[in-house]
Amino acid sequence: MATKKIPYQYYLRQDKSSNPRKSGKYYAKRFNPTVLGTRGLAEHMIGHGLIAERSEVEDVLNALQTCIPELLQQGMNVKLQGLGTFRATLSGRGAASAEDYSVQKHIKGIHIRILPWSEQVGNLTSKAFLSKCELEYMGEVETITVDGKKKIILHRPSGEEEEG
């Protein structure tokens, strides 16, 4: 069973926007997220004692990748017990009246959202999820321009620097 706990790594970045409520303040940002593909997720699931072949687990995950968007396109919500509910939401701008409203002018996109599972067992709401994570501070970043390209320098607490 997979038991190794890997910390959620973050760094600090100073907001340099013109928003007076945010400008100059430091905010935590996710550090170097690892992208795990279908095969990696299948292997991870098998590491938790799932009795199945990796190819069988991949087949189920691939079916989810097809079926969830298909159902969302039909206006349905998809609830995965213990994980959350996938739903699609409309974004756009308003019209002066119902008669003036048109899909082409006023709907700008459809976003896929997930409402985390929030029952006592398996609670994935933001505060409960935070309490389950081990956080690791990676340092503060600075964005510089070298030869016309933006580079990010991570200033680690130990004094080391890492270029990204």
Protein backbone atom coordinates (compact mmCIF):
# COMPACT_ATOMS: atom_id res chain seq x y z
CA MET A 1 0.00 0.00 0.00
CA ALA A 2 1.30 3.49 -0.87
CA THR A 3 1.99 5.33 2.36
CA LYS A 4 4.76 7.80 1.49
CA LYS A 5 3.52 11.30 2.22
CA ILE A 6 4.96 13.89 -0.15
CA PRO A 7 4.68 17.50 1.00
CA TYR A 8 2.68 20.10 -0.89
CA GLN A 9 5.39 22.55 -1.91
CA TYR A 10 4.78 26.28 -2.15
CA TYR A 11 6.68 29.53 -2.59
CA LEU A 12 5.88 33.17 -1.91
CA ARG A 13 5.29 35.69 -4.65
CA GLN A 14 4.72 39.41 -4.19
CA ASP A 15 1.66 40.84 -5.92
CA LYS A 16 2.70 43.70 -8.17
CA SER A 17 -0.73 44.49 -9.57
CA SER A 18 -2.40 47.88 -9.41
CA ASN A 19 -5.05 46.56 -7.00
CA PRO A 20 -4.47 48.59 -3.80
CA ARG A 21 -5.85 45.78 -1.59
CA LYS A 22 -3.36 43.22 -2.96
CA SER A 23 -0.35 45.13 -4.27
CA GLY A 24 2.83 44.61 -2.27
CA LYS A 25 1.44 41.67 -0.29
CA TYR A 26 2.92 38.19 -0.49
CA TYR A 27 0.84 35.17 -1.44
CA ALA A 28 1.57 31.44 -1.39
CA LYS A 29 1.67 29.76 -4.81
CA ARG A 30 1.97 26.08 -5.72
CA PHE A 31 5.56 25.06 -6.52
CA ASN A 32 6.33 22.86 -9.54
CA PRO A 33 3.17 20.77 -9.75
CA THR A 34 3.74 17.24 -10.97
CA VAL A 35 1.33 16.10 -13.65
CA LEU A 36 0.32 12.49 -13.22
CA GLY A 37 -1.14 10.83 -16.32
CA THR A 38 -3.67 8.04 -16.56
CA ARG A 39 -1.01 5.33 -16.36
CA GLY A 40 0.59 6.93 -13.29
CA LEU A 41 -2.77 7.32 -11.57
CA ALA A 42 -3.61 3.68 -12.33
CA GLU A 43 -0.28 2.56 -10.84
CA HIS A 44 -0.87 4.73 -7.78
CA MET A 45 -4.34 3.23 -7.29
CA ILE A 46 -2.95 -0.30 -7.55
CA GLY A 47 -0.37 0.70 -4.92
CA HIS A 48 -3.29 1.23 -2.54
CA GLY A 49 -4.14 -2.45 -2.77
CA LEU A 50 -6.62 -2.31 -5.65
CA ILE A 51 -6.94 -5.84 -6.98
CA ALA A 52 -6.94 -5.28 -10.72
CA GLU A 53 -4.53 -5.16 -13.61
CA ARG A 54 -3.11 -1.73 -14.45
CA SER A 55 -4.67 -1.97 -17.92
CA GLU A 56 -8.13 -2.56 -16.40
CA VAL A 57 -7.79 0.48 -14.15
CA GLU A 58 -6.57 2.55 -17.13
CA ASP A 59 -9.63 1.42 -19.12
CA VAL A 60 -11.95 2.66 -16.36
CA LEU A 61 -10.07 5.98 -16.06
CA ASN A 62 -10.15 6.45 -19.84
CA ALA A 63 -13.90 5.81 -19.82
CA LEU A 64 -14.31 8.48 -17.11
CA GLN A 65 -12.38 10.95 -19.30
CA THR A 66 -14.89 10.35 -22.09
CA CYS A 67 -18.09 9.95 -20.11
CA ILE A 68 -17.86 12.83 -17.62
CA PRO A 69 -17.49 15.56 -20.30
CA GLU A 70 -20.19 13.87 -22.39
CA LEU A 71 -22.65 13.94 -19.49
CA LEU A 72 -21.70 17.53 -18.58
CA GLN A 73 -22.39 18.58 -22.19
CA GLN A 74 -25.88 17.17 -21.73
CA GLY A 75 -26.44 19.39 -18.69
CA MET A 76 -26.03 16.64 -16.09
CA ASN A 77 -23.95 16.78 -12.92
CA VAL A 78 -21.74 13.78 -12.14
CA LYS A 79 -21.23 12.87 -8.48
CA LEU A 80 -18.32 10.61 -7.58
CA GLN A 81 -18.85 9.44 -4.02
CA GLY A 82 -15.96 10.50 -1.81
CA LEU A 83 -14.49 12.88 -4.39
CA GLY A 84 -17.05 15.46 -5.43
CA THR A 85 -19.59 16.57 -7.98
CA PHE A 86 -18.53 17.65 -11.45
CA ARG A 87 -20.75 20.32 -12.97
CA ALA A 88 -20.65 22.78 -15.83
CA THR A 89 -21.28 26.49 -15.30
CA LEU A 90 -21.94 29.22 -17.85
CA SER A 91 -19.90 32.41 -17.95
CA GLY A 92 -20.62 35.56 -19.85
CA ARG A 93 -22.13 38.97 -19.59
CA GLY A 94 -25.61 40.26 -19.08
CA ALA A 95 -28.04 41.76 -21.56
CA ALA A 96 -30.25 44.78 -21.01
CA SER A 97 -33.36 42.62 -21.53
CA ALA A 98 -34.35 39.03 -22.26
CA GLU A 99 -35.17 40.06 -25.84
CA ASP A 100 -31.62 41.41 -26.34
CA TYR A 101 -29.99 38.22 -25.05
CA SER A 102 -28.22 35.89 -27.49
CA VAL A 103 -25.90 32.96 -26.91
CA GLN A 104 -23.34 34.25 -29.42
CA LYS A 105 -23.09 37.70 -27.82
CA HIS A 106 -23.53 36.94 -24.14
CA ILE A 107 -22.24 33.44 -23.30
CA LYS A 108 -18.45 33.48 -23.32
CA GLY A 109 -17.70 29.97 -22.11
CA ILE A 110 -18.64 26.93 -20.11
CA HIS A 111 -16.39 25.97 -17.21
CA ILE A 112 -16.08 22.57 -15.60
CA ARG A 113 -16.13 22.84 -11.83
CA ILE A 114 -15.88 20.29 -9.07
CA LEU A 115 -17.69 20.75 -5.78
CA PRO A 116 -15.58 18.79 -3.29
CA TRP A 117 -17.04 16.01 -1.21
CA SER A 118 -18.01 17.48 2.14
CA GLU A 119 -19.40 14.71 4.28
CA GLN A 120 -17.60 13.91 7.52
CA VAL A 121 -15.62 10.97 6.12
CA GLY A 122 -13.44 11.95 3.18
CA ASN A 123 -14.12 15.67 3.56
CA LEU A 124 -12.36 17.48 0.70
CA THR A 125 -13.51 21.02 1.44
CA SER A 126 -10.68 23.56 1.40
CA LYS A 127 -10.13 23.79 5.17
CA ALA A 128 -10.41 20.05 5.75
CA PHE A 129 -8.09 19.33 2.80
CA LEU A 130 -5.56 21.85 4.14
CA SER A 131 -5.48 20.03 7.47
CA LYS A 132 -4.57 16.78 5.63
CA CYS A 133 -1.68 18.31 3.67
CA GLU A 134 1.90 18.63 4.82
CA LEU A 135 3.14 21.99 3.53
CA GLU A 136 6.77 22.69 2.65
CA TYR A 137 8.01 26.27 2.09
CA MET A 138 10.31 26.38 -0.93
CA GLY A 139 11.23 30.09 -0.81
CA GLU A 140 10.38 33.35 -2.53
CA VAL A 141 10.44 33.93 -6.28
CA GLU A 142 11.64 36.82 -8.38
CA THR A 143 10.84 37.26 -12.06
CA ILE A 144 13.64 38.67 -14.20
CA THR A 145 14.02 39.24 -17.94
CA VAL A 146 17.14 37.89 -19.64
CA ASP A 147 17.58 38.29 -23.40
CA GLY A 148 13.90 39.17 -23.75
CA LYS A 149 12.73 36.00 -21.94
CA LYS A 150 11.13 35.93 -18.51
CA LYS A 151 12.89 33.71 -15.98
CA ILE A 152 11.82 32.85 -12.48
CA ILE A 153 14.45 32.67 -9.75
CA LEU A 154 13.52 30.78 -6.58
CA HIS A 155 15.30 32.12 -3.50
CA ARG A 156 15.37 29.15 -1.11
CA PRO A 157 15.39 29.81 2.66
CA SER A 158 18.83 28.13 2.82
CA GLY A 159 20.29 30.85 0.58
CA GLU A 160 20.47 28.66 -2.53
CA GLU A 161 18.93 29.88 -5.77
CA GLU A 162 17.19 27.82 -8.42
CA GLU A 163 16.32 28.99 -11.91
CA GLY A 164 13.07 27.89 -13.52
